[in-house]
Amino acid sequence: MTHQPPYRPDRPTRADRGASDRGLSDRASSDRAGRSDGLNGYGEEHRPLPQEIYTRRRVAAVVVILAVVALVVWALTAFARSGGDDVEETPTPPPSTLVTTPTEPNPGEESGTETTTGTSDAAATEESKTGESESTEPTKATSSPEDAEALAAKKTCELSDLQLSTDLNKTAFAPGDPASERKFSVTIHNPTGGDCVIDTEENPLRFAAFSIDREGFQQIWSDTDCNKPMITGKETFAAGESRKFTAEWSGLDSAPQRCDARQPAAPGAYAAVGFLGENSSEPVTFNVTE
């Protein structure tokens, strides 16, 4: 005898379960169809963002990249600038560098004049000729004691061995000062142990004044522009001897072959230099006042 389970009305039959499964399958298919049609699964349409939002994002990205590049370039430029040498260019006089301004002369140095050459522009004199150095120190005294000893032991002398120094009787000249109050002096010292014979025709002794401005040093006067050098021929500078020569400046400018229509030196800063051929003293600064 076959037994069958009792009928339970609360349990779904196989037919009911089949219908329910078909309903779920239809709903899933409907959802997939909705998403494929641009719906988000809830019946709402999924749309792309406006084009201007994408454009703004691209612009913002480009701006950030440019800012980073600019910052890197600025950092490299600042580093290169900080590593450079900011050396301020300064004018250099034709003979050498500047030294201190002159001081008032020793009144005793004006005695003992041996020779005088008078000219229309400058009266040049050799003030002393002794075997000992005067109070004016040679320009090249910056050499070491060893160099000085080597020069003293040297038994020959050349033009380059001679030491020239320049001094002035005043630190400033006024427009009304006469030539007698505008004195340029050059002391020539032979530091070697041998006499120095110089041909002053080939290596003339001369005095010069240079103006000082932003463009550098410009020669405005020399005593040999309009006059003969004060010494000519062969001159002997004995071993260990110092000889001092003085010229008077009229305060007018000059140039070779231009001795007419000369003008007074303009107010400003100047430098005095003494020359013996290519050998020269250190410049000594002075002023021309208004």
C-alpha atoms as a PDB file:
ATOM      1  CA  MET A   1       0.000   0.000   0.000  1.00  0.00           C
ATOM      2  CA  THR A   2       1.482   3.303  -1.060  1.00  0.00           C
ATOM      3  CA  HIS A   3       1.601   6.191   1.373  1.00  0.00           C
ATOM      4  CA  GLN A   4       1.564   9.830   0.158  1.00  0.00           C
ATOM      5  CA  PRO A   5       2.503  12.816   2.254  1.00  0.00           C
ATOM      6  CA  PRO A   6      -0.401  14.764   3.554  1.00  0.00           C
ATOM      7  CA  TYR A   7      -1.435  17.852   1.615  1.00  0.00           C
ATOM      8  CA  ARG A   8      -0.133  21.102   3.055  1.00  0.00           C
ATOM      9  CA  PRO A   9      -1.758  24.141   1.552  1.00  0.00           C
ATOM     10  CA  ASP A  10       0.998  26.500   2.973  1.00  0.00           C
ATOM     11  CA  ARG A  11       3.723  24.864   0.903  1.00  0.00           C
ATOM     12  CA  PRO A  12       4.077  25.982  -2.756  1.00  0.00           C
ATOM     13  CA  THR A  13       3.546  23.321  -5.300  1.00  0.00           C
ATOM     14  CA  ARG A  14       6.066  22.494  -8.010  1.00  0.00           C
ATOM     15  CA  ALA A  15       4.029  24.479 -10.479  1.00  0.00           C
ATOM     16  CA  ASP A  16       4.031  27.478  -8.172  1.00  0.00           C
ATOM     17  CA  ARG A  17       7.830  27.264  -7.752  1.00  0.00           C
ATOM     18  CA  GLY A  18       8.279  27.132 -11.496  1.00  0.00           C
ATOM     19  CA  ALA A  19       6.193  30.236 -11.971  1.00  0.00           C
ATOM     20  CA  SER A  20       8.140  32.045  -9.250  1.00  0.00           C
ATOM     21  CA  ASP A  21      11.485  31.132 -10.826  1.00  0.00           C
ATOM     22  CA  ARG A  22      10.241  32.368 -14.166  1.00  0.00           C
ATOM     23  CA  GLY A  23       9.267  35.669 -12.512  1.00  0.00           C
ATOM     24  CA  LEU A  24      12.748  36.175 -11.022  1.00  0.00           C
ATOM     25  CA  SER A  25      14.394  35.365 -14.338  1.00  0.00           C
ATOM     26  CA  ASP A  26      12.166  37.849 -16.122  1.00  0.00           C
ATOM     27  CA  ARG A  27      13.048  40.548 -13.548  1.00  0.00           C
ATOM     28  CA  ALA A  28      16.822  39.943 -13.966  1.00  0.00           C
ATOM     29  CA  SER A  29      16.474  40.078 -17.709  1.00  0.00           C
ATOM     30  CA  SER A  30      14.539  43.308 -17.331  1.00  0.00           C
ATOM     31  CA  ASP A  31      17.315  44.783 -15.129  1.00  0.00           C
ATOM     32  CA  ARG A  32      19.996  43.822 -17.625  1.00  0.00           C
ATOM     33  CA  ALA A  33      17.967  45.284 -20.402  1.00  0.00           C
ATOM     34  CA  GLY A  34      17.504  48.471 -18.385  1.00  0.00           C
ATOM     35  CA  ARG A  35      21.264  48.841 -17.764  1.00  0.00           C
ATOM     36  CA  SER A  36      22.006  48.210 -21.409  1.00  0.00           C
ATOM     37  CA  ASP A  37      19.520  50.959 -22.235  1.00  0.00           C
ATOM     38  CA  GLY A  38      21.422  53.476 -20.022  1.00  0.00           C
ATOM     39  CA  LEU A  39      19.517  52.877 -16.769  1.00  0.00           C
ATOM     40  CA  ASN A  40      21.269  52.477 -13.421  1.00  0.00           C
ATOM     41  CA  GLY A  41      19.271  49.559 -12.217  1.00  0.00           C
ATOM     42  CA  TYR A  42      16.703  51.652 -10.449  1.00  0.00           C
ATOM     43  CA  GLY A  43      15.062  52.924 -13.512  1.00  0.00           C
ATOM     44  CA  GLU A  44      17.188  56.079 -13.555  1.00  0.00           C
ATOM     45  CA  GLU A  45      19.190  57.006 -16.654  1.00  0.00           C
ATOM     46  CA  HIS A  46      23.090  57.079 -16.262  1.00  0.00           C
ATOM     47  CA  ARG A  47      24.427  60.028 -18.338  1.00  0.00           C
ATOM     48  CA  PRO A  48      28.139  61.171 -18.924  1.00  0.00           C
ATOM     49  CA  LEU A  49      29.396  64.448 -17.303  1.00  0.00           C
ATOM     50  CA  PRO A  50      29.192  67.680 -19.337  1.00  0.00           C
ATOM     51  CA  GLN A  51      32.159  68.358 -21.661  1.00  0.00           C
ATOM     52  CA  GLU A  52      33.088  71.599 -19.844  1.00  0.00           C
ATOM     53  CA  ILE A  53      33.830  69.625 -16.641  1.00  0.00           C
ATOM     54  CA  TYR A  54      36.329  67.444 -18.479  1.00  0.00           C
ATOM     55  CA  THR A  55      37.823  70.603 -20.072  1.00  0.00           C
ATOM     56  CA  ARG A  56      38.211  72.254 -16.662  1.00  0.00           C
ATOM     57  CA  ARG A  57      39.964  69.168 -15.301  1.00  0.00           C
ATOM     58  CA  ARG A  58      42.424  69.141 -18.215  1.00  0.00           C
ATOM     59  CA  VAL A  59      43.111  72.881 -17.811  1.00  0.00           C
ATOM     60  CA  ALA A  60      43.720  72.434 -14.077  1.00  0.00           C
ATOM     61  CA  ALA A  61      46.188  69.611 -14.758  1.00  0.00           C
ATOM     62  CA  VAL A  62      48.061  71.725 -17.336  1.00  0.00           C
ATOM     63  CA  VAL A  63      48.242  74.678 -14.909  1.00  0.00           C
ATOM     64  CA  VAL A  64      49.703  72.468 -12.174  1.00  0.00           C
ATOM     65  CA  ILE A  65      52.346  71.099 -14.569  1.00  0.00           C
ATOM     66  CA  LEU A  66      53.308  74.613 -15.746  1.00  0.00           C
ATOM     67  CA  ALA A  67      53.588  75.811 -12.139  1.00  0.00           C
ATOM     68  CA  VAL A  68      55.934  72.940 -11.274  1.00  0.00           C
ATOM     69  CA  VAL A  69      58.076  73.629 -14.359  1.00  0.00           C
ATOM     70  CA  ALA A  70      58.243  77.355 -13.531  1.00  0.00           C
ATOM     71  CA  LEU A  71      59.276  76.582  -9.940  1.00  0.00           C
ATOM     72  CA  VAL A  72      62.079  74.270 -11.146  1.00  0.00           C
ATOM     73  CA  VAL A  73      63.345  76.879 -13.640  1.00  0.00           C
ATOM     74  CA  TRP A  74      63.309  79.594 -10.956  1.00  0.00           C
ATOM     75  CA  ALA A  75      65.228  77.355  -8.528  1.00  0.00           C
ATOM     76  CA  LEU A  76      67.889  76.541 -11.137  1.00  0.00           C
ATOM     77  CA  THR A  77      68.241  80.223 -12.084  1.00  0.00           C
ATOM     78  CA  ALA A  78      68.579  81.301  -8.447  1.00  0.00           C
ATOM     79  CA  PHE A  79      71.195  78.621  -7.833  1.00  0.00           C
ATOM     80  CA  ALA A  80      73.210  79.625 -10.902  1.00  0.00           C
ATOM     81  CA  ARG A  81      73.004  83.302  -9.923  1.00  0.00           C
ATOM     82  CA  SER A  82      74.139  82.640  -6.363  1.00  0.00           C
ATOM     83  CA  GLY A  83      77.095  80.610  -7.611  1.00  0.00           C
ATOM     84  CA  GLY A  84      78.399  83.380  -9.954  1.00  0.00           C
ATOM     85  CA  ASP A  85      81.130  85.804  -9.103  1.00  0.00           C
ATOM     86  CA  ASP A  86      79.738  89.312  -8.729  1.00  0.00           C
ATOM     87  CA  VAL A  87      83.005  91.079  -9.165  1.00  0.00           C
ATOM     88  CA  GLU A  88      82.655  94.722  -9.688  1.00  0.00           C
ATOM     89  CA  GLU A  89      84.826  95.900 -12.492  1.00  0.00           C
ATOM     90  CA  THR A  90      87.075  98.776 -11.531  1.00  0.00           C
ATOM     91  CA  PRO A  91      89.174 100.959 -13.800  1.00  0.00           C
ATOM     92  CA  THR A  92      92.884 100.304 -13.922  1.00  0.00           C
ATOM     93  CA  PRO A  93      95.331 103.067 -14.735  1.00  0.00           C
ATOM     94  CA  PRO A  94      97.723 102.554 -17.634  1.00  0.00           C
ATOM     95  CA  PRO A  95     100.826 102.161 -15.448  1.00  0.00           C
ATOM     96  CA  SER A  96      99.463 100.294 -12.367  1.00  0.00           C
ATOM     97  CA  THR A  97      97.000 100.515  -9.468  1.00  0.00           C
ATOM     98  CA  LEU A  98      96.129 103.501  -7.314  1.00  0.00           C
ATOM     99  CA  VAL A  99      97.887 104.348  -4.088  1.00  0.00           C
ATOM    100  CA  THR A 100      97.215 106.798  -1.327  1.00  0.00           C
ATOM    101  CA  THR A 101      96.907 110.529  -1.803  1.00  0.00           C
ATOM    102  CA  PRO A 102     100.039 112.643  -1.468  1.00  0.00           C
ATOM    103  CA  THR A 103     101.011 114.469   1.693  1.00  0.00           C
ATOM    104  CA  GLU A 104     102.531 117.881   2.175  1.00  0.00           C
ATOM    105  CA  PRO A 105     106.232 117.865   1.291  1.00  0.00           C
ATOM    106  CA  ASN A 106     109.105 118.185   3.671  1.00  0.00           C
ATOM    107  CA  PRO A 107     110.317 121.805   3.387  1.00  0.00           C
ATOM    108  CA  GLY A 108     113.901 120.579   3.638  1.00  0.00           C
ATOM    109  CA  GLU A 109     113.496 118.694   0.351  1.00  0.00           C
ATOM    110  CA  GLU A 110     113.325 121.948  -1.590  1.00  0.00           C
ATOM    111  CA  SER A 111     116.999 122.702  -0.955  1.00  0.00           C
ATOM    112  CA  GLY A 112     120.026 121.513  -2.884  1.00  0.00           C
ATOM    113  CA  THR A 113     118.778 122.199  -6.423  1.00  0.00           C
ATOM    114  CA  GLU A 114     121.524 121.469  -8.921  1.00  0.00           C
ATOM    115  CA  THR A 115     120.037 122.117 -12.341  1.00  0.00           C
ATOM    116  CA  THR A 116     116.940 123.938 -13.595  1.00  0.00           C
ATOM    117  CA  THR A 117     115.275 123.853 -16.981  1.00  0.00           C
ATOM    118  CA  GLY A 118     112.707 126.562 -17.583  1.00  0.00           C
ATOM    119  CA  THR A 119     109.888 126.100 -20.118  1.00  0.00           C
ATOM    120  CA  SER A 120     106.647 127.835 -20.986  1.00  0.00           C
ATOM    121  CA  ASP A 121     104.625 125.123 -19.254  1.00  0.00           C
ATOM    122  CA  ALA A 122     106.758 123.473 -16.602  1.00  0.00           C
ATOM    123  CA  ALA A 123     109.976 124.277 -14.812  1.00  0.00           C
ATOM    124  CA  ALA A 124     111.746 120.954 -14.221  1.00  0.00           C
ATOM    125  CA  THR A 125     114.560 120.559 -11.742  1.00  0.00           C
ATOM    126  CA  GLU A 126     116.737 117.813 -10.384  1.00  0.00           C
ATOM    127  CA  GLU A 127     116.567 118.511  -6.665  1.00  0.00           C
ATOM    128  CA  SER A 128     119.121 116.098  -5.294  1.00  0.00           C
ATOM    129  CA  LYS A 129     121.900 113.741  -6.265  1.00  0.00           C
ATOM    130  CA  THR A 130     123.174 111.796  -3.292  1.00  0.00           C
ATOM    131  CA  GLY A 131     124.439 108.359  -2.492  1.00  0.00           C
ATOM    132  CA  GLU A 132     121.661 107.798   0.071  1.00  0.00           C
ATOM    133  CA  SER A 133     117.933 107.489  -0.370  1.00  0.00           C
ATOM    134  CA  GLU A 134     115.796 110.501   0.497  1.00  0.00           C
ATOM    135  CA  SER A 135     112.729 110.568   2.671  1.00  0.00           C
ATOM    136  CA  THR A 136     110.558 109.553  -0.300  1.00  0.00           C
ATOM    137  CA  GLU A 137     110.342 105.760  -0.376  1.00  0.00           C
ATOM    138  CA  PRO A 138     110.686 104.034  -3.769  1.00  0.00           C
ATOM    139  CA  THR A 139     107.428 102.830  -5.280  1.00  0.00           C
ATOM    140  CA  LYS A 140     108.601  99.247  -5.616  1.00  0.00           C
ATOM    141  CA  ALA A 141     109.532  98.986  -1.937  1.00  0.00           C
ATOM    142  CA  THR A 142     106.728  96.411  -1.633  1.00  0.00           C
ATOM    143  CA  SER A 143     109.248  93.730  -2.662  1.00  0.00           C
ATOM    144  CA  SER A 144     110.324  91.285   0.002  1.00  0.00           C
ATOM    145  CA  PRO A 145     113.579  91.679   1.979  1.00  0.00           C
ATOM    146  CA  GLU A 146     114.967  88.732   0.027  1.00  0.00           C
ATOM    147  CA  ASP A 147     114.305  90.589  -3.251  1.00  0.00           C
ATOM    148  CA  ALA A 148     115.927  93.734  -1.882  1.00  0.00           C
ATOM    149  CA  GLU A 149     119.000  91.757  -0.854  1.00  0.00           C
ATOM    150  CA  ALA A 150     119.148  90.097  -4.253  1.00  0.00           C
ATOM    151  CA  LEU A 151     118.972  93.477  -6.010  1.00  0.00           C
ATOM    152  CA  ALA A 152     121.653  94.927  -3.741  1.00  0.00           C
ATOM    153  CA  ALA A 153     123.927  91.998  -4.583  1.00  0.00           C
ATOM    154  CA  LYS A 154     123.300  92.398  -8.301  1.00  0.00           C
ATOM    155  CA  LYS A 155     126.286  93.989 -10.044  1.00  0.00           C
ATOM    156  CA  THR A 156     124.437  95.036 -13.200  1.00  0.00           C
ATOM    157  CA  CYS A 157     121.502  97.414 -13.602  1.00  0.00           C
ATOM    158  CA  GLU A 158     118.737  97.718 -16.194  1.00  0.00           C
ATOM    159  CA  LEU A 159     115.868 100.160 -16.690  1.00  0.00           C
ATOM    160  CA  SER A 160     113.386  97.772 -15.110  1.00  0.00           C
ATOM    161  CA  ASP A 161     115.518  97.623 -11.943  1.00  0.00           C
ATOM    162  CA  LEU A 162     115.053 101.318 -11.221  1.00  0.00           C
ATOM    163  CA  GLN A 163     112.343 102.207  -8.713  1.00  0.00           C
ATOM    164  CA  LEU A 164     110.219 105.311  -9.374  1.00  0.00           C
ATOM    165  CA  SER A 165     107.983 107.093  -6.882  1.00  0.00           C
ATOM    166  CA  THR A 166     105.856 110.220  -7.317  1.00  0.00           C
ATOM    167  CA  ASP A 167     104.800 112.851  -4.795  1.00  0.00           C
ATOM    168  CA  LEU A 168     103.033 116.205  -4.995  1.00  0.00           C
ATOM    169  CA  ASN A 169     103.412 119.379  -2.982  1.00  0.00           C
ATOM    170  CA  LYS A 170      99.631 119.496  -2.301  1.00  0.00           C
ATOM    171  CA  THR A 171      96.693 117.126  -2.307  1.00  0.00           C
ATOM    172  CA  ALA A 172      94.419 119.589  -4.166  1.00  0.00           C
ATOM    173  CA  PHE A 173      94.973 122.400  -6.659  1.00  0.00           C
ATOM    174  CA  ALA A 174      92.688 125.423  -7.003  1.00  0.00           C
ATOM    175  CA  PRO A 175      91.995 127.158 -10.331  1.00  0.00           C
ATOM    176  CA  GLY A 176      93.985 130.233  -9.271  1.00  0.00           C
ATOM    177  CA  ASP A 177      97.095 128.364  -8.144  1.00  0.00           C
ATOM    178  CA  PRO A 178     100.216 129.386 -10.108  1.00  0.00           C
ATOM    179  CA  ALA A 179     102.480 126.771 -11.681  1.00  0.00           C
ATOM    180  CA  SER A 180     104.964 127.203  -8.843  1.00  0.00           C
ATOM    181  CA  GLU A 181     102.337 125.755  -6.490  1.00  0.00           C
ATOM    182  CA  ARG A 182     101.584 122.738  -8.713  1.00  0.00           C
ATOM    183  CA  LYS A 183     104.689 120.587  -8.326  1.00  0.00           C
ATOM    184  CA  PHE A 184     105.051 116.992  -9.503  1.00  0.00           C
ATOM    185  CA  SER A 185     108.159 115.202  -8.187  1.00  0.00           C
ATOM    186  CA  VAL A 186     109.604 111.867  -9.255  1.00  0.00           C
ATOM    187  CA  THR A 187     112.335 110.088  -7.296  1.00  0.00           C
ATOM    188  CA  ILE A 188     114.383 107.483  -9.191  1.00  0.00           C
ATOM    189  CA  HIS A 189     116.204 104.978  -6.979  1.00  0.00           C
ATOM    190  CA  ASN A 190     118.787 102.421  -8.089  1.00  0.00           C
ATOM    191  CA  PRO A 191     118.569  99.505  -5.619  1.00  0.00           C
ATOM    192  CA  THR A 192     121.236  97.386  -7.321  1.00  0.00           C
ATOM    193  CA  GLY A 193     124.939  97.099  -6.710  1.00  0.00           C
ATOM    194  CA  GLY A 194     125.781  98.328 -10.207  1.00  0.00           C
ATOM    195  CA  ASP A 195     125.494 101.660 -12.010  1.00  0.00           C
ATOM    196  CA  CYS A 196     122.515 102.048 -14.335  1.00  0.00           C
ATOM    197  CA  VAL A 197     123.224 103.939 -17.576  1.00  0.00           C
ATOM    198  CA  ILE A 198     119.988 104.965 -19.304  1.00  0.00           C
ATOM    199  CA  ASP A 199     119.669 106.515 -22.760  1.00  0.00           C
ATOM    200  CA  THR A 200     117.003 109.145 -22.070  1.00  0.00           C
ATOM    201  CA  GLU A 201     116.567 109.809 -25.782  1.00  0.00           C
ATOM    202  CA  GLU A 202     115.009 106.351 -26.075  1.00  0.00           C
ATOM    203  CA  ASN A 203     113.624 106.331 -22.513  1.00  0.00           C
ATOM    204  CA  PRO A 204     112.592 109.921 -21.744  1.00  0.00           C
ATOM    205  CA  LEU A 205     111.795 111.202 -18.274  1.00  0.00           C
ATOM    206  CA  ARG A 206     108.314 112.689 -18.194  1.00  0.00           C
ATOM    207  CA  PHE A 207     105.521 113.693 -15.826  1.00  0.00           C
ATOM    208  CA  ALA A 208     101.832 113.097 -16.552  1.00  0.00           C
ATOM    209  CA  ALA A 209      98.390 113.813 -15.111  1.00  0.00           C
ATOM    210  CA  PHE A 210      95.403 111.494 -15.631  1.00  0.00           C
ATOM    211  CA  SER A 211      91.735 112.258 -15.055  1.00  0.00           C
ATOM    212  CA  ILE A 212      89.751 109.609 -13.192  1.00  0.00           C
ATOM    213  CA  ASP A 213      86.165 108.892 -14.252  1.00  0.00           C
ATOM    214  CA  ARG A 214      83.826 105.985 -14.913  1.00  0.00           C
ATOM    215  CA  GLU A 215      85.592 105.206 -18.159  1.00  0.00           C
ATOM    216  CA  GLY A 216      88.933 104.781 -16.399  1.00  0.00           C
ATOM    217  CA  PHE A 217      92.109 106.864 -16.538  1.00  0.00           C
ATOM    218  CA  GLN A 218      92.570 109.370 -19.351  1.00  0.00           C
ATOM    219  CA  GLN A 219      95.819 111.282 -19.755  1.00  0.00           C
ATOM    220  CA  ILE A 220      95.159 115.019 -19.935  1.00  0.00           C
ATOM    221  CA  TRP A 221      98.699 116.427 -19.630  1.00  0.00           C
ATOM    222  CA  SER A 222     102.367 115.560 -19.954  1.00  0.00           C
ATOM    223  CA  ASP A 223     105.323 117.911 -19.655  1.00  0.00           C
ATOM    224  CA  THR A 224     106.790 116.506 -22.885  1.00  0.00           C
ATOM    225  CA  ASP A 225     103.689 117.266 -24.989  1.00  0.00           C
ATOM    226  CA  CYS A 226     104.789 120.828 -25.632  1.00  0.00           C
ATOM    227  CA  ASN A 227     108.345 120.842 -24.217  1.00  0.00           C
ATOM    228  CA  LYS A 228     111.522 118.825 -24.465  1.00  0.00           C
ATOM    229  CA  PRO A 229     112.294 116.344 -21.681  1.00  0.00           C
ATOM    230  CA  MET A 230     114.245 117.917 -18.846  1.00  0.00           C
ATOM    231  CA  ILE A 231     117.141 115.431 -19.226  1.00  0.00           C
ATOM    232  CA  THR A 232     118.592 114.183 -22.499  1.00  0.00           C
ATOM    233  CA  GLY A 233     121.363 111.869 -23.574  1.00  0.00           C
ATOM    234  CA  LYS A 234     122.773 109.133 -21.380  1.00  0.00           C
ATOM    235  CA  GLU A 235     122.165 109.459 -17.648  1.00  0.00           C
ATOM    236  CA  THR A 236     123.929 107.413 -14.997  1.00  0.00           C
ATOM    237  CA  PHE A 237     122.076 106.337 -11.881  1.00  0.00           C
ATOM    238  CA  ALA A 238     124.787 105.135  -9.527  1.00  0.00           C
ATOM    239  CA  ALA A 239     124.413 102.022  -7.386  1.00  0.00           C
ATOM    240  CA  GLY A 240     122.271 102.686  -4.312  1.00  0.00           C
ATOM    241  CA  GLU A 241     121.625 106.270  -5.412  1.00  0.00           C
ATOM    242  CA  SER A 242     118.348 108.221  -5.471  1.00  0.00           C
ATOM    243  CA  ARG A 243     117.762 111.225  -7.696  1.00  0.00           C
ATOM    244  CA  LYS A 244     114.709 113.459  -7.476  1.00  0.00           C
ATOM    245  CA  PHE A 245     113.253 115.502 -10.348  1.00  0.00           C
ATOM    246  CA  THR A 246     110.459 118.092 -10.088  1.00  0.00           C
ATOM    247  CA  ALA A 247     108.200 119.666 -12.719  1.00  0.00           C
ATOM    248  CA  GLU A 248     105.678 122.491 -12.381  1.00  0.00           C
ATOM    249  CA  TRP A 249     102.284 122.073 -14.015  1.00  0.00           C
ATOM    250  CA  SER A 250     100.399 125.073 -15.370  1.00  0.00           C
ATOM    251  CA  GLY A 251      97.030 123.379 -14.730  1.00  0.00           C
ATOM    252  CA  LEU A 252      96.187 123.314 -18.464  1.00  0.00           C
ATOM    253  CA  ASP A 253      95.517 120.216 -20.540  1.00  0.00           C
ATOM    254  CA  SER A 254      97.749 119.208 -23.442  1.00  0.00           C
ATOM    255  CA  ALA A 255      98.393 116.536 -26.035  1.00  0.00           C
ATOM    256  CA  PRO A 256     101.210 115.805 -28.502  1.00  0.00           C
ATOM    257  CA  GLN A 257     101.183 118.366 -31.306  1.00  0.00           C
ATOM    258  CA  ARG A 258      98.371 120.269 -29.562  1.00  0.00           C
ATOM    259  CA  CYS A 259      99.820 123.167 -27.624  1.00  0.00           C
ATOM    260  CA  ASP A 260      97.354 125.897 -28.617  1.00  0.00           C
ATOM    261  CA  ALA A 261      93.901 126.592 -27.186  1.00  0.00           C
ATOM    262  CA  ARG A 262      94.679 124.577 -24.094  1.00  0.00           C
ATOM    263  CA  GLN A 263      91.944 124.450 -21.453  1.00  0.00           C
ATOM    264  CA  PRO A 264      92.154 124.426 -17.639  1.00  0.00           C
ATOM    265  CA  ALA A 265      91.720 120.996 -16.090  1.00  0.00           C
ATOM    266  CA  ALA A 266      88.101 120.517 -15.033  1.00  0.00           C
ATOM    267  CA  PRO A 267      87.302 120.039 -11.338  1.00  0.00           C
ATOM    268  CA  GLY A 268      87.495 116.406 -10.295  1.00  0.00           C
ATOM    269  CA  ALA A 269      89.776 113.550  -9.312  1.00  0.00           C
ATOM    270  CA  TYR A 270      93.177 113.063 -10.941  1.00  0.00           C
ATOM    271  CA  ALA A 271      96.317 110.952 -10.647  1.00  0.00           C
ATOM    272  CA  ALA A 272      99.970 111.950 -11.113  1.00  0.00           C
ATOM    273  CA  VAL A 273     102.465 109.468 -12.585  1.00  0.00           C
ATOM    274  CA  GLY A 274     106.181 109.680 -13.323  1.00  0.00           C
ATOM    275  CA  PHE A 275     107.785 107.809 -16.240  1.00  0.00           C
ATOM    276  CA  LEU A 276     111.279 106.863 -17.314  1.00  0.00           C
ATOM    277  CA  GLY A 277     110.740 105.120 -20.619  1.00  0.00           C
ATOM    278  CA  GLU A 278     108.427 102.179 -20.002  1.00  0.00           C
ATOM    279  CA  ASN A 279     109.187 102.222 -16.277  1.00  0.00           C
ATOM    280  CA  SER A 280     106.639 104.136 -14.205  1.00  0.00           C
ATOM    281  CA  SER A 281     105.745 105.057 -10.655  1.00  0.00           C
ATOM    282  CA  GLU A 282     102.564 104.203  -8.863  1.00  0.00           C
ATOM    283  CA  PRO A 283      99.819 106.830  -9.449  1.00  0.00           C
ATOM    284  CA  VAL A 284      99.260 109.370  -6.694  1.00  0.00           C
ATOM    285  CA  THR A 285      95.772 110.864  -6.526  1.00  0.00           C
ATOM    286  CA  PHE A 286      94.904 114.538  -6.136  1.00  0.00           C
ATOM    287  CA  ASN A 287      91.929 116.838  -6.753  1.00  0.00           C
ATOM    288  CA  VAL A 288      91.313 119.910  -8.862  1.00  0.00           C
ATOM    289  CA  THR A 289      88.799 122.082  -7.030  1.00  0.00           C
ATOM    290  CA  GLU A 290      86.210 124.466  -8.443  1.00  0.00           C
END
